[in-house]
Amino acid sequence: MLRRNIDVTIGLVNGAIGTVMGINASHVYLCYTNDHIDAPCDIERVTSRFMLSKNLYIHRKQFCLIISYAIAIHKCQGL
């Protein structure tokens, strides 16, 4: 499941559910169960920046995905 909006126009939004088709060092290839997305999509790493103190920042690079084994009843009503 996506945890961040990537492209709202094609449905790559927070909460979109898909299946991982492949992984490499810089991309994850996904197939989404969405009417707007008909081809596999590639998701790149996202860089987040956090301030620890006045002049100290941390940069974290990660895929904006989480494993979703189950979904809430409210989320599945639109499927």
C-alpha atoms as a PDB file:
ATOM      1  CA  MET A   1       0.000   0.000   0.000  1.00  0.00           C
ATOM      2  CA  LEU A   2       1.268   3.447  -0.900  1.00  0.00           C
ATOM      3  CA  ARG A   3       1.882   5.851   1.970  1.00  0.00           C
ATOM      4  CA  ARG A   4       2.279   9.048  -0.074  1.00  0.00           C
ATOM      5  CA  ASN A   5       0.619  10.718  -3.058  1.00  0.00           C
ATOM      6  CA  ILE A   6       2.831  10.220  -6.115  1.00  0.00           C
ATOM      7  CA  ASP A   7       0.550  11.030  -9.071  1.00  0.00           C
ATOM      8  CA  VAL A   8      -3.046  11.863  -8.207  1.00  0.00           C
ATOM      9  CA  THR A   9      -4.168  12.077 -11.855  1.00  0.00           C
ATOM     10  CA  ILE A  10      -3.576   8.351 -12.472  1.00  0.00           C
ATOM     11  CA  GLY A  11      -4.519   7.109  -9.009  1.00  0.00           C
ATOM     12  CA  LEU A  12      -1.105   6.704  -7.335  1.00  0.00           C
ATOM     13  CA  VAL A  13      -2.391   8.099  -4.052  1.00  0.00           C
ATOM     14  CA  ASN A  14      -1.969   7.390  -0.353  1.00  0.00           C
ATOM     15  CA  GLY A  15      -3.740   4.094   0.383  1.00  0.00           C
ATOM     16  CA  ALA A  16      -3.575   2.642  -3.155  1.00  0.00           C
ATOM     17  CA  ILE A  17      -3.250  -1.153  -2.967  1.00  0.00           C
ATOM     18  CA  GLY A  18      -1.061  -3.114  -5.383  1.00  0.00           C
ATOM     19  CA  THR A  19       1.110  -6.194  -5.862  1.00  0.00           C
ATOM     20  CA  VAL A  20       4.921  -6.076  -5.946  1.00  0.00           C
ATOM     21  CA  MET A  21       6.162  -7.494  -9.253  1.00  0.00           C
ATOM     22  CA  GLY A  22       9.884  -6.761  -8.873  1.00  0.00           C
ATOM     23  CA  ILE A  23      12.468  -4.968  -6.760  1.00  0.00           C
ATOM     24  CA  ASN A  24      15.908  -3.533  -7.464  1.00  0.00           C
ATOM     25  CA  ALA A  25      18.138  -1.059  -5.612  1.00  0.00           C
ATOM     26  CA  SER A  26      16.388   2.096  -6.794  1.00  0.00           C
ATOM     27  CA  HIS A  27      12.870   1.053  -7.894  1.00  0.00           C
ATOM     28  CA  VAL A  28       9.972  -1.174  -6.904  1.00  0.00           C
ATOM     29  CA  TYR A  29       7.730  -2.365  -9.749  1.00  0.00           C
ATOM     30  CA  LEU A  30       4.060  -2.636  -8.815  1.00  0.00           C
ATOM     31  CA  CYS A  31       0.830  -3.744 -10.439  1.00  0.00           C
ATOM     32  CA  TYR A  32      -2.146  -1.885  -8.961  1.00  0.00           C
ATOM     33  CA  THR A  33      -5.713  -3.075  -8.561  1.00  0.00           C
ATOM     34  CA  ASN A  34      -7.102   0.247  -9.746  1.00  0.00           C
ATOM     35  CA  ASP A  35      -9.337   1.138 -12.698  1.00  0.00           C
ATOM     36  CA  HIS A  36      -7.189   4.176 -13.585  1.00  0.00           C
ATOM     37  CA  ILE A  37      -3.864   2.300 -13.729  1.00  0.00           C
ATOM     38  CA  ASP A  38      -3.649  -0.361 -16.442  1.00  0.00           C
ATOM     39  CA  ALA A  39       0.131  -0.838 -16.674  1.00  0.00           C
ATOM     40  CA  PRO A  40       2.732  -1.767 -14.032  1.00  0.00           C
ATOM     41  CA  CYS A  41       4.207   1.274 -12.274  1.00  0.00           C
ATOM     42  CA  ASP A  42       7.664   1.872 -10.885  1.00  0.00           C
ATOM     43  CA  ILE A  43       8.048   3.600  -7.541  1.00  0.00           C
ATOM     44  CA  GLU A  44      11.310   5.412  -6.774  1.00  0.00           C
ATOM     45  CA  ARG A  45      12.858   6.045  -3.390  1.00  0.00           C
ATOM     46  CA  VAL A  46      11.696   9.207  -1.622  1.00  0.00           C
ATOM     47  CA  THR A  47      14.070  11.371   0.412  1.00  0.00           C
ATOM     48  CA  SER A  48      12.778  12.836   3.672  1.00  0.00           C
ATOM     49  CA  ARG A  49      14.627  15.427   5.735  1.00  0.00           C
ATOM     50  CA  PHE A  50      14.259  15.743   9.504  1.00  0.00           C
ATOM     51  CA  MET A  51      15.761  18.381  11.779  1.00  0.00           C
ATOM     52  CA  LEU A  52      17.326  16.988  14.968  1.00  0.00           C
ATOM     53  CA  SER A  53      18.628  20.268  16.330  1.00  0.00           C
ATOM     54  CA  LYS A  54      19.338  23.780  15.089  1.00  0.00           C
ATOM     55  CA  ASN A  55      22.038  22.826  12.554  1.00  0.00           C
ATOM     56  CA  LEU A  56      21.698  19.038  12.409  1.00  0.00           C
ATOM     57  CA  TYR A  57      19.526  17.309   9.812  1.00  0.00           C
ATOM     58  CA  ILE A  58      18.955  13.672   8.941  1.00  0.00           C
ATOM     59  CA  HIS A  59      18.142  12.546   5.403  1.00  0.00           C
ATOM     60  CA  ARG A  60      16.311   9.249   4.972  1.00  0.00           C
ATOM     61  CA  LYS A  61      15.778   7.529   1.605  1.00  0.00           C
ATOM     62  CA  GLN A  62      13.024   4.924   1.474  1.00  0.00           C
ATOM     63  CA  PHE A  63      10.210   3.513  -0.613  1.00  0.00           C
ATOM     64  CA  CYS A  64       6.874   4.979   0.436  1.00  0.00           C
ATOM     65  CA  LEU A  65       5.268   1.532   0.735  1.00  0.00           C
ATOM     66  CA  ILE A  66       4.062  -0.676   3.564  1.00  0.00           C
ATOM     67  CA  ILE A  67       2.946  -4.294   3.610  1.00  0.00           C
ATOM     68  CA  SER A  68      -0.827  -4.612   3.832  1.00  0.00           C
ATOM     69  CA  TYR A  69      -2.094  -8.105   4.568  1.00  0.00           C
ATOM     70  CA  ALA A  70      -5.589  -6.873   5.335  1.00  0.00           C
ATOM     71  CA  ILE A  71      -7.662  -3.745   4.896  1.00  0.00           C
ATOM     72  CA  ALA A  72     -10.462  -2.188   6.911  1.00  0.00           C
ATOM     73  CA  ILE A  73     -14.082  -2.769   5.961  1.00  0.00           C
ATOM     74  CA  HIS A  74     -14.426   0.908   5.011  1.00  0.00           C
ATOM     75  CA  LYS A  75     -11.505   0.687   2.546  1.00  0.00           C
ATOM     76  CA  CYS A  76     -12.818  -2.446   0.810  1.00  0.00           C
ATOM     77  CA  GLN A  77     -16.252  -0.935   0.080  1.00  0.00           C
ATOM     78  CA  GLY A  78     -14.894   0.722  -3.052  1.00  0.00           C
ATOM     79  CA  LEU A  79     -13.222  -2.429  -4.430  1.00  0.00           C
END
